[in-house]
Amino acid sequence: MKTLKDLGDLQGKRVLVRADFNVPLKGTTITDDGRIKAALPTIEALRKDGAKVILMAHLGRPKGKVVPELSLAPVAKRLGELLGIEVPLASDTYGEDAQSKVAALKDGEVLLLENVRFNPEETSKDEAERAAYAKKIAALGEVFVSDGFGVVHRAQGSNYDVAADLPSAAGLLVEKEVKALSHATVDPERPLTVVLGGSKVSDKLGVIKNLLGNANRLIIGGGMVYTFLKAQGYEVGTSLLEEDQVDVVKGYIEEARKNGVELVLPTDIIVADKFAADSPHATVAADEIPSDKMGLDIGPDSQRLFHDKIVDSKTVVWNGPMGVFEFPAFAAGTKAVAQGLVDATQAGAFTIVGGGDSASAVRNLGFPEDGFSHISTGGGASLEFLEGKELPGLKVLE
C-alpha cells in the first residue's frame, strides 16, 4: 500500500484528501469530534509540506439530494478551530464554487468541499457513471490521499474511482488503522480475545465465522447476546432477538467448542419493563429472564467476568457496546469492558476499540483516548477487515 512518503515533493500541489467526517450531530452541534481530530495528522503533514489541501467527505445519508441539515458547515467550523485557521466550505463538490475556491488556495491552506453524497453518482452502482463523476472531482487536484478509513470498505466515487485518476496514497490515519488491525489479526500475541456487542448478531456473523479459527476467546454481549441465549434454549422475554439466526448461532457455539475457542456469555442480565432510560429494572440470572422483561445490559457478575477475561489477554479487539450505554442505568456493562481494555493496556496488552458505537461510548463515558492502544474510526470497515474481506478502498492503493 502506497503511503504519503511515496508521493514525493508536494510543495504547491493541489492535494485531494478523502477524509471521514461523518460525525454525530445534534442540530448543528457536533457531539463527538473524534473523527475530525483523527484526520488532523494527515492535514498538518500536508500543510507542512506546502500542499494546497482540498478535503472531501460525507455526512449522513442524503441519498443523492442536497439536504441542508447534512451540510458539512459545522465540520468546517470545528476543523478551523482545531487547526487554528479559517477553513472555507465550497457550496458544491466539483462545480463553480469548488473550482473558484480551489483556484484561490495558497500553499498550506485548507478547503472543504460540500458533502459528496449530495451527488447521486457518489454511491452509484453504475461504474461508468461513478467514474465520469470522479473525473470531475479529480480535475480539482493533482494528487489523491485516501484518509477516510470509515469508507474504505466501499467502492465509491470519492474514495475509489478518484484514486484511478491521480497519483494516490494512503494518509497517516489509514496507514495507522491498517497497521493496528493487522497487528491484531496477523500473528497476534496470545491469548487473543475478541469482545463483540451491539444490537444485531447478523451484523457480526462474518466476523464470528472468521475469528472462530483465530481467536482464543470470544466474549459476547449487547443486544446480540439474546440470540445466543435463545440458541441455548433459554427464555429471552421481550429482548432483542433475531429468530432467523438462532440455528446459525447454534452452529457457531458448536464450532467454538470443536476449535477450542472459549465462548464467554453473560451469567446475569439487567432486565427492564421497557426500552426507556427511567424504566424499572432488576438483575436476573441469564437463564431466568422473565417472559415480560427485556434485557438492556449485562449484570454485575458478568461485568466482573468480562473485565477479568479481558485483562487475562495479550491482544484485545472490541466492537459493540454491552448494553444501552446512552441510558446511565444500562451503561455499567460497557464501562466494565472499557475499563478492562484500559487495565489490559496498562498490563502490556495491545487493545483496539473497533470504531462506531464503541468509540463513541469510550468518549461519552469519559475514558481517556490514550488508555487504549488504538481507537478505530471505522465501524463497518473495521468489521470487514476482521472478517478477512478485501476492502476496495485499500486495494486501489496497492
Protein backbone atom coordinates (compact mmCIF):
# COMPACT_ATOMS: atom_id res chain seq x y z
CA MET A 1 0.00 0.00 0.00
CA LYS A 2 1.44 3.38 -1.02
CA THR A 3 1.77 5.99 1.73
CA LEU A 4 2.43 9.75 1.92
CA LYS A 5 6.19 9.32 1.61
CA ASP A 6 5.68 7.71 -1.82
CA LEU A 7 4.14 10.92 -3.22
CA GLY A 8 7.37 12.91 -3.36
CA ASP A 9 7.53 16.70 -3.20
CA LEU A 10 4.07 18.19 -2.59
CA GLN A 11 5.10 21.86 -2.39
CA GLY A 12 2.46 23.94 -4.20
CA LYS A 13 0.49 20.88 -5.31
CA ARG A 14 -3.28 20.58 -5.03
CA VAL A 15 -3.86 17.51 -2.86
CA LEU A 16 -7.34 15.99 -2.72
CA VAL A 17 -7.94 14.21 0.58
CA ARG A 18 -10.87 11.87 1.20
CA ALA A 19 -11.49 12.19 4.94
CA ASP A 20 -14.15 10.68 7.19
CA PHE A 21 -16.09 13.50 8.81
CA ASN A 22 -19.30 11.52 9.32
CA VAL A 23 -19.73 12.86 12.86
CA PRO A 24 -22.84 12.70 15.08
CA LEU A 25 -24.85 15.93 15.14
CA LYS A 26 -27.50 17.37 17.41
CA GLY A 27 -28.94 20.14 15.26
CA THR A 28 -25.78 21.86 14.06
CA THR A 29 -23.72 20.84 17.12
CA ILE A 30 -21.12 18.07 16.75
CA THR A 31 -21.48 15.73 19.73
CA ASP A 32 -18.30 13.71 19.07
CA ASP A 33 -15.45 15.25 17.05
CA GLY A 34 -13.20 12.17 17.28
CA ARG A 35 -13.18 11.59 13.53
CA ILE A 36 -12.21 15.20 12.82
CA LYS A 37 -9.34 15.03 15.31
CA ALA A 38 -8.20 11.73 13.77
CA ALA A 39 -7.74 13.48 10.39
CA LEU A 40 -5.52 16.26 11.78
CA PRO A 41 -2.11 14.49 11.49
CA THR A 42 -2.52 13.97 7.73
CA ILE A 43 -3.82 17.52 7.16
CA GLU A 44 -0.99 19.03 9.20
CA ALA A 45 1.64 16.89 7.43
CA LEU A 46 0.38 18.06 4.03
CA ARG A 47 0.28 21.71 5.13
CA LYS A 48 3.84 21.40 6.44
CA ASP A 49 4.88 20.08 3.01
CA GLY A 50 3.38 23.20 1.40
CA ALA A 51 0.44 21.45 -0.24
CA LYS A 52 -2.90 23.07 -1.04
CA VAL A 53 -5.23 20.77 0.90
CA ILE A 54 -8.68 20.05 -0.58
CA LEU A 55 -10.79 17.92 1.76
CA MET A 56 -13.86 15.93 0.80
CA ALA A 57 -16.15 13.85 2.99
CA HIS A 58 -19.73 12.76 3.53
CA LEU A 59 -22.16 13.31 6.38
CA GLY A 60 -25.21 11.12 6.97
CA ARG A 61 -27.29 9.60 4.20
CA PRO A 62 -28.74 12.36 2.00
CA LYS A 63 -29.27 9.78 -0.78
CA GLY A 64 -28.02 11.93 -3.63
CA LYS A 65 -30.03 15.03 -2.73
CA VAL A 66 -28.99 18.34 -1.16
CA VAL A 67 -30.15 18.13 2.47
CA PRO A 68 -29.25 21.41 4.26
CA GLU A 69 -29.24 19.69 7.68
CA LEU A 70 -26.42 17.45 6.43
CA SER A 71 -24.17 20.25 5.20
CA LEU A 72 -20.52 19.99 6.27
CA ALA A 73 -20.63 23.60 7.57
CA PRO A 74 -20.34 22.53 11.26
CA VAL A 75 -17.34 20.35 10.30
CA ALA A 76 -15.60 23.25 8.51
CA LYS A 77 -16.12 25.41 11.60
CA ARG A 78 -14.79 22.78 14.04
CA LEU A 79 -11.88 21.89 11.77
CA GLY A 80 -10.90 25.55 11.59
CA GLU A 81 -10.95 25.77 15.40
CA LEU A 82 -8.73 22.69 15.73
CA LEU A 83 -6.26 23.85 13.08
CA GLY A 84 -6.29 27.47 14.21
CA ILE A 85 -7.05 28.74 10.70
CA GLU A 86 -10.11 29.54 8.61
CA VAL A 87 -11.37 26.52 6.64
CA PRO A 88 -13.77 27.73 3.92
CA LEU A 89 -16.55 25.42 2.72
CA ALA A 90 -17.33 25.19 -1.00
CA SER A 91 -21.08 25.13 -1.65
CA ASP A 92 -20.68 22.18 -4.03
CA THR A 93 -18.33 19.24 -4.58
CA TYR A 94 -16.86 19.97 -8.03
CA GLY A 95 -18.91 22.86 -9.50
CA GLU A 96 -18.22 26.55 -9.97
CA ASP A 97 -17.81 27.40 -6.29
CA ALA A 98 -15.44 24.48 -5.66
CA GLN A 99 -13.40 25.42 -8.73
CA SER A 100 -13.10 29.09 -7.81
CA LYS A 101 -12.19 28.35 -4.18
CA VAL A 102 -9.58 25.80 -5.27
CA ALA A 103 -8.08 28.35 -7.69
CA ALA A 104 -7.76 30.84 -4.82
CA LEU A 105 -5.93 28.42 -2.49
CA LYS A 106 -2.42 29.32 -1.37
CA ASP A 107 0.25 26.84 -0.25
CA GLY A 108 -0.60 25.38 3.18
CA GLU A 109 -4.25 26.47 3.06
CA VAL A 110 -7.20 24.13 3.54
CA LEU A 111 -10.57 23.93 1.77
CA LEU A 112 -13.51 21.62 2.49
CA LEU A 113 -15.84 20.58 -0.33
CA GLU A 114 -19.55 20.14 0.38
CA ASN A 115 -21.00 16.70 1.24
CA VAL A 116 -20.02 14.30 -1.56
CA ARG A 117 -23.22 12.32 -1.00
CA PHE A 118 -25.30 15.28 -2.17
CA ASN A 119 -24.30 13.87 -5.60
CA PRO A 120 -26.22 10.71 -6.62
CA GLU A 121 -23.21 9.48 -8.64
CA GLU A 122 -21.06 9.19 -5.48
CA THR A 123 -22.67 5.91 -4.44
CA SER A 124 -23.94 4.80 -7.86
CA LYS A 125 -23.70 1.10 -8.72
CA ASP A 126 -23.11 2.12 -12.34
CA GLU A 127 -19.31 2.08 -12.60
CA ALA A 128 -19.20 4.26 -15.74
CA GLU A 129 -21.43 6.90 -14.15
CA ARG A 130 -19.32 6.88 -10.99
CA ALA A 131 -16.05 7.09 -12.95
CA ALA A 132 -17.25 10.09 -15.00
CA TYR A 133 -18.25 11.88 -11.79
CA ALA A 134 -14.90 11.06 -10.17
CA LYS A 135 -13.03 12.66 -13.09
CA LYS A 136 -14.80 15.97 -12.31
CA ILE A 137 -13.55 15.81 -8.73
CA ALA A 138 -10.08 14.64 -9.77
CA ALA A 139 -9.77 17.71 -12.03
CA LEU A 140 -9.60 19.82 -8.84
CA GLY A 141 -6.40 18.13 -7.68
CA GLU A 142 -3.04 16.79 -8.78
CA VAL A 143 -2.61 14.10 -6.10
CA PHE A 144 -5.10 11.99 -4.11
CA VAL A 145 -4.77 10.90 -0.47
CA SER A 146 -7.19 8.34 0.99
CA ASP A 147 -7.59 9.05 4.70
CA GLY A 148 -11.23 8.12 5.38
CA PHE A 149 -10.86 4.66 6.88
CA GLY A 150 -14.58 4.57 7.66
CA VAL A 151 -15.37 4.28 3.93
CA VAL A 152 -12.57 2.07 2.56
CA HIS A 153 -14.89 -0.95 2.58
CA ARG A 154 -16.99 0.74 -0.13
CA ALA A 155 -16.14 1.41 -3.78
CA GLN A 156 -17.46 4.96 -4.10
CA GLY A 157 -16.59 7.88 -6.34
CA SER A 158 -14.59 9.98 -3.90
CA ASN A 159 -12.54 7.19 -2.30
CA TYR A 160 -12.17 4.58 -5.06
CA ASP A 161 -12.67 5.99 -8.56
CA VAL A 162 -10.72 9.21 -7.90
CA ALA A 163 -7.73 7.03 -6.97
CA ALA A 164 -7.67 5.69 -10.54
CA ASP A 165 -7.31 9.21 -11.99
CA LEU A 166 -4.49 10.63 -9.84
CA PRO A 167 -1.23 9.55 -8.15
CA SER A 168 -2.63 8.10 -4.92
CA ALA A 169 -1.57 7.03 -1.44
CA ALA A 170 -2.93 6.23 2.00
CA GLY A 171 -2.97 9.03 4.55
CA LEU A 172 -1.48 8.68 8.04
CA LEU A 173 -4.83 7.63 9.55
CA VAL A 174 -5.50 4.83 7.05
CA GLU A 175 -1.89 3.67 7.44
CA LYS A 176 -2.28 3.63 11.23
CA GLU A 177 -5.61 1.75 11.05
CA VAL A 178 -4.23 -0.96 8.76
CA LYS A 179 -1.16 -1.46 10.97
CA ALA A 180 -3.27 -1.72 14.15
CA LEU A 181 -5.85 -4.13 12.76
CA SER A 182 -3.13 -6.24 11.12
CA HIS A 183 -1.34 -6.36 14.48
CA ALA A 184 -4.47 -7.93 15.96
CA THR A 185 -5.19 -10.38 13.14
CA VAL A 186 -1.81 -11.41 11.69
CA ASP A 187 0.17 -13.45 14.22
CA PRO A 188 -1.21 -11.62 17.30
CA GLU A 189 0.20 -12.06 20.78
CA ARG A 190 -1.95 -14.57 22.63
CA PRO A 191 -4.37 -15.02 24.23
CA LEU A 192 -6.34 -13.08 21.58
CA THR A 193 -9.71 -12.02 22.99
CA VAL A 194 -12.46 -10.58 20.81
CA VAL A 195 -15.37 -8.79 22.51
CA LEU A 196 -18.48 -8.35 20.38
CA GLY A 197 -21.62 -6.40 21.29
CA GLY A 198 -24.11 -4.15 19.61
CA SER A 199 -27.68 -4.81 18.64
CA LYS A 200 -27.64 -7.40 15.86
CA VAL A 201 -25.86 -10.72 15.64
CA SER A 202 -26.44 -10.67 11.86
CA ASP A 203 -24.09 -7.66 11.57
CA LYS A 204 -21.27 -9.69 13.12
CA LEU A 205 -21.81 -13.19 11.62
CA GLY A 206 -18.89 -12.84 9.19
CA VAL A 207 -16.57 -11.67 11.96
CA ILE A 208 -17.58 -14.54 14.27
CA LYS A 209 -17.12 -17.09 11.50
CA ASN A 210 -13.64 -15.77 10.62
CA LEU A 211 -12.49 -15.41 14.24
CA LEU A 212 -13.56 -18.90 15.30
CA GLY A 213 -10.41 -20.06 13.52
CA ASN A 214 -8.13 -17.42 15.05
CA ALA A 215 -9.31 -16.06 18.41
CA ASN A 216 -8.62 -17.82 21.69
CA ARG A 217 -11.61 -16.27 23.42
CA LEU A 218 -14.87 -14.76 22.17
CA ILE A 219 -16.91 -12.61 24.59
CA ILE A 220 -20.49 -11.84 23.55
CA GLY A 221 -22.69 -9.07 24.99
CA GLY A 222 -25.10 -6.38 23.82
CA GLY A 223 -28.40 -6.98 22.05
CA MET A 224 -26.87 -9.82 20.03
CA VAL A 225 -26.39 -11.95 23.14
CA TYR A 226 -30.10 -12.79 23.35
CA THR A 227 -29.90 -14.77 20.13
CA PHE A 228 -27.05 -16.76 21.72
CA LEU A 229 -29.10 -17.34 24.89
CA LYS A 230 -32.10 -18.42 22.79
CA ALA A 231 -29.83 -20.83 20.88
CA GLN A 232 -29.07 -22.45 24.24
CA GLY A 233 -32.77 -22.90 24.88
CA TYR A 234 -33.23 -20.03 27.34
CA GLU A 235 -36.19 -17.65 27.63
CA VAL A 236 -35.24 -14.12 26.50
CA GLY A 237 -38.55 -12.34 27.14
CA THR A 238 -39.08 -9.23 25.01
CA SER A 239 -35.33 -8.74 24.46
CA LEU A 240 -33.93 -8.03 21.01
CA LEU A 241 -33.92 -11.36 19.17
CA GLU A 242 -33.09 -12.43 15.63
CA GLU A 243 -35.12 -15.62 15.44
CA ASP A 244 -33.85 -16.41 11.93
CA GLN A 245 -30.25 -16.55 13.21
CA VAL A 246 -30.79 -18.98 16.09
CA ASP A 247 -29.77 -22.08 14.10
CA VAL A 248 -26.70 -20.28 12.70
CA VAL A 249 -25.65 -19.33 16.22
CA LYS A 250 -26.15 -22.92 17.41
CA GLY A 251 -23.67 -23.94 14.72
CA TYR A 252 -21.17 -21.32 15.87
CA ILE A 253 -21.46 -22.43 19.50
CA GLU A 254 -20.64 -25.98 18.39
CA GLU A 255 -17.78 -24.79 16.16
CA ALA A 256 -16.27 -22.79 19.04
CA ARG A 257 -16.38 -25.94 21.19
CA LYS A 258 -14.67 -28.03 18.48
CA ASN A 259 -11.97 -25.41 17.82
CA GLY A 260 -11.19 -24.90 21.50
CA VAL A 261 -12.32 -21.26 21.39
CA GLU A 262 -13.54 -20.12 24.81
CA LEU A 263 -17.02 -18.66 24.32
CA VAL A 264 -17.89 -16.31 27.18
CA LEU A 265 -21.56 -15.35 27.60
CA PRO A 266 -23.17 -13.30 30.41
CA THR A 267 -24.19 -15.15 33.56
CA ASP A 268 -26.63 -12.41 34.60
CA ILE A 269 -28.65 -9.74 32.82
CA ILE A 270 -30.16 -6.40 33.81
CA VAL A 271 -33.78 -6.53 32.66
CA ALA A 272 -36.32 -3.74 32.39
CA ASP A 273 -40.04 -3.34 31.76
CA LYS A 274 -39.46 -1.32 28.59
CA PHE A 275 -36.83 0.41 26.46
CA ALA A 276 -36.55 3.68 28.39
CA ALA A 277 -33.94 5.48 30.48
CA ASP A 278 -36.21 5.54 33.55
CA SER A 279 -37.67 2.05 33.20
CA PRO A 280 -37.80 -0.01 36.44
CA HIS A 281 -35.07 -2.66 36.25
CA ALA A 282 -33.62 -5.64 38.10
CA THR A 283 -30.80 -8.18 37.80
CA VAL A 284 -31.67 -11.80 36.95
CA ALA A 285 -29.70 -14.92 36.00
CA ALA A 286 -29.09 -15.18 32.25
CA ASP A 287 -31.22 -18.34 32.10
CA GLU A 288 -34.08 -16.81 34.10
CA ILE A 289 -35.20 -13.77 32.06
CA PRO A 290 -38.93 -13.24 32.72
CA SER A 291 -41.15 -13.53 29.64
CA ASP A 292 -42.42 -9.95 30.03
CA LYS A 293 -39.00 -8.27 30.53
CA MET A 294 -36.25 -7.14 28.15
CA GLY A 295 -32.51 -7.32 28.70
CA LEU A 296 -30.78 -3.92 28.40
CA ASP A 297 -27.32 -4.66 29.85
CA ILE A 298 -25.13 -7.41 31.26
CA GLY A 299 -25.34 -7.83 35.05
CA PRO A 300 -22.75 -7.15 37.79
CA ASP A 301 -21.34 -10.72 37.84
CA SER A 302 -20.94 -10.65 34.04
CA GLN A 303 -19.27 -7.24 34.26
CA ARG A 304 -16.61 -8.68 36.59
CA LEU A 305 -16.28 -11.83 34.46
CA PHE A 306 -15.85 -9.92 31.21
CA HIS A 307 -13.40 -7.47 32.80
CA ASP A 308 -11.22 -10.27 34.18
CA LYS A 309 -11.22 -12.27 30.92
CA ILE A 310 -10.14 -9.13 29.03
CA VAL A 311 -7.32 -8.40 31.48
CA ASP A 312 -6.16 -12.01 31.06
CA SER A 313 -5.29 -11.30 27.39
CA LYS A 314 -2.33 -10.12 25.33
CA THR A 315 -4.41 -8.81 22.40
CA VAL A 316 -7.99 -7.50 22.66
CA VAL A 317 -10.35 -6.32 19.92
CA TRP A 318 -13.68 -4.82 21.00
CA ASN A 319 -16.58 -3.90 18.71
CA GLY A 320 -20.03 -3.02 20.05
CA PRO A 321 -21.42 -1.88 23.43
CA MET A 322 -22.65 -4.34 26.07
CA GLY A 323 -25.95 -2.56 26.68
CA VAL A 324 -27.86 0.65 26.07
CA PHE A 325 -24.95 2.80 27.29
CA GLU A 326 -26.78 6.02 26.34
CA PHE A 327 -29.05 5.35 29.36
CA PRO A 328 -26.99 5.68 32.61
CA ALA A 329 -28.87 2.79 34.26
CA PHE A 330 -27.71 0.44 31.49
CA ALA A 331 -24.16 1.69 30.88
CA ALA A 332 -22.26 -0.32 33.53
CA GLY A 333 -21.57 -3.29 31.25
CA THR A 334 -19.98 -1.14 28.56
CA LYS A 335 -17.99 0.73 31.25
CA ALA A 336 -16.69 -2.58 32.65
CA VAL A 337 -15.48 -3.71 29.22
CA ALA A 338 -13.84 -0.32 28.52
CA GLN A 339 -12.14 -0.44 31.93
CA GLY A 340 -10.99 -3.98 31.16
CA LEU A 341 -9.29 -2.76 27.98
CA VAL A 342 -7.65 0.14 29.84
CA ASP A 343 -6.36 -2.23 32.55
CA ALA A 344 -5.17 -4.73 29.92
CA THR A 345 -3.32 -1.93 28.06
CA GLN A 346 -1.58 -0.89 31.28
CA ALA A 347 -0.54 -4.53 31.75
CA GLY A 348 1.10 -4.55 28.31
CA ALA A 349 -1.66 -5.89 26.07
CA PHE A 350 -2.42 -4.48 22.61
CA THR A 351 -6.01 -3.22 22.64
CA ILE A 352 -8.29 -1.98 19.87
CA VAL A 353 -11.63 -0.24 20.22
CA GLY A 354 -13.28 -1.10 16.91
CA GLY A 355 -14.96 2.11 15.89
CA GLY A 356 -18.65 3.03 15.63
CA ASP A 357 -20.66 2.91 18.85
CA SER A 358 -17.71 1.52 20.85
CA ALA A 359 -15.59 4.57 20.04
CA SER A 360 -18.46 6.92 20.91
CA ALA A 361 -19.05 5.01 24.14
CA VAL A 362 -15.49 5.32 25.46
CA ARG A 363 -15.51 9.07 24.78
CA ASN A 364 -19.00 9.69 26.15
CA LEU A 365 -18.28 7.61 29.25
CA GLY A 366 -15.19 9.69 29.98
CA PHE A 367 -12.36 7.26 29.22
CA PRO A 368 -9.04 8.77 28.08
CA GLU A 369 -8.24 8.01 24.44
CA ASP A 370 -4.65 7.17 25.32
CA GLY A 371 -5.95 4.44 27.65
CA PHE A 372 -6.23 2.16 24.60
CA SER A 373 -3.62 1.11 22.04
CA HIS A 374 -5.88 2.15 19.16
CA ILE A 375 -9.39 3.56 18.73
CA SER A 376 -10.59 2.82 15.20
CA THR A 377 -12.55 5.40 13.22
CA GLY A 378 -14.28 2.83 11.03
CA GLY A 379 -17.02 0.61 12.45
CA GLY A 380 -18.05 -1.19 9.25
CA ALA A 381 -14.55 -1.07 7.76
CA SER A 382 -13.04 -2.50 10.95
CA LEU A 383 -15.56 -5.34 10.96
CA GLU A 384 -14.93 -6.21 7.32
CA PHE A 385 -11.17 -6.11 7.92
CA LEU A 386 -11.67 -8.55 10.83
CA GLU A 387 -13.80 -10.71 8.53
CA GLY A 388 -10.80 -11.02 6.25
CA LYS A 389 -12.58 -9.32 3.34
CA GLU A 390 -10.76 -7.40 0.62
CA LEU A 391 -11.53 -3.69 1.07
CA PRO A 392 -11.81 -1.87 -2.29
CA GLY A 393 -10.58 1.48 -0.92
CA LEU A 394 -7.35 -0.21 0.25
CA LYS A 395 -6.93 -2.49 -2.78
CA VAL A 396 -6.92 0.53 -5.13
CA LEU A 397 -3.92 1.99 -3.23
CA GLU A 398 -1.68 -1.04 -3.81
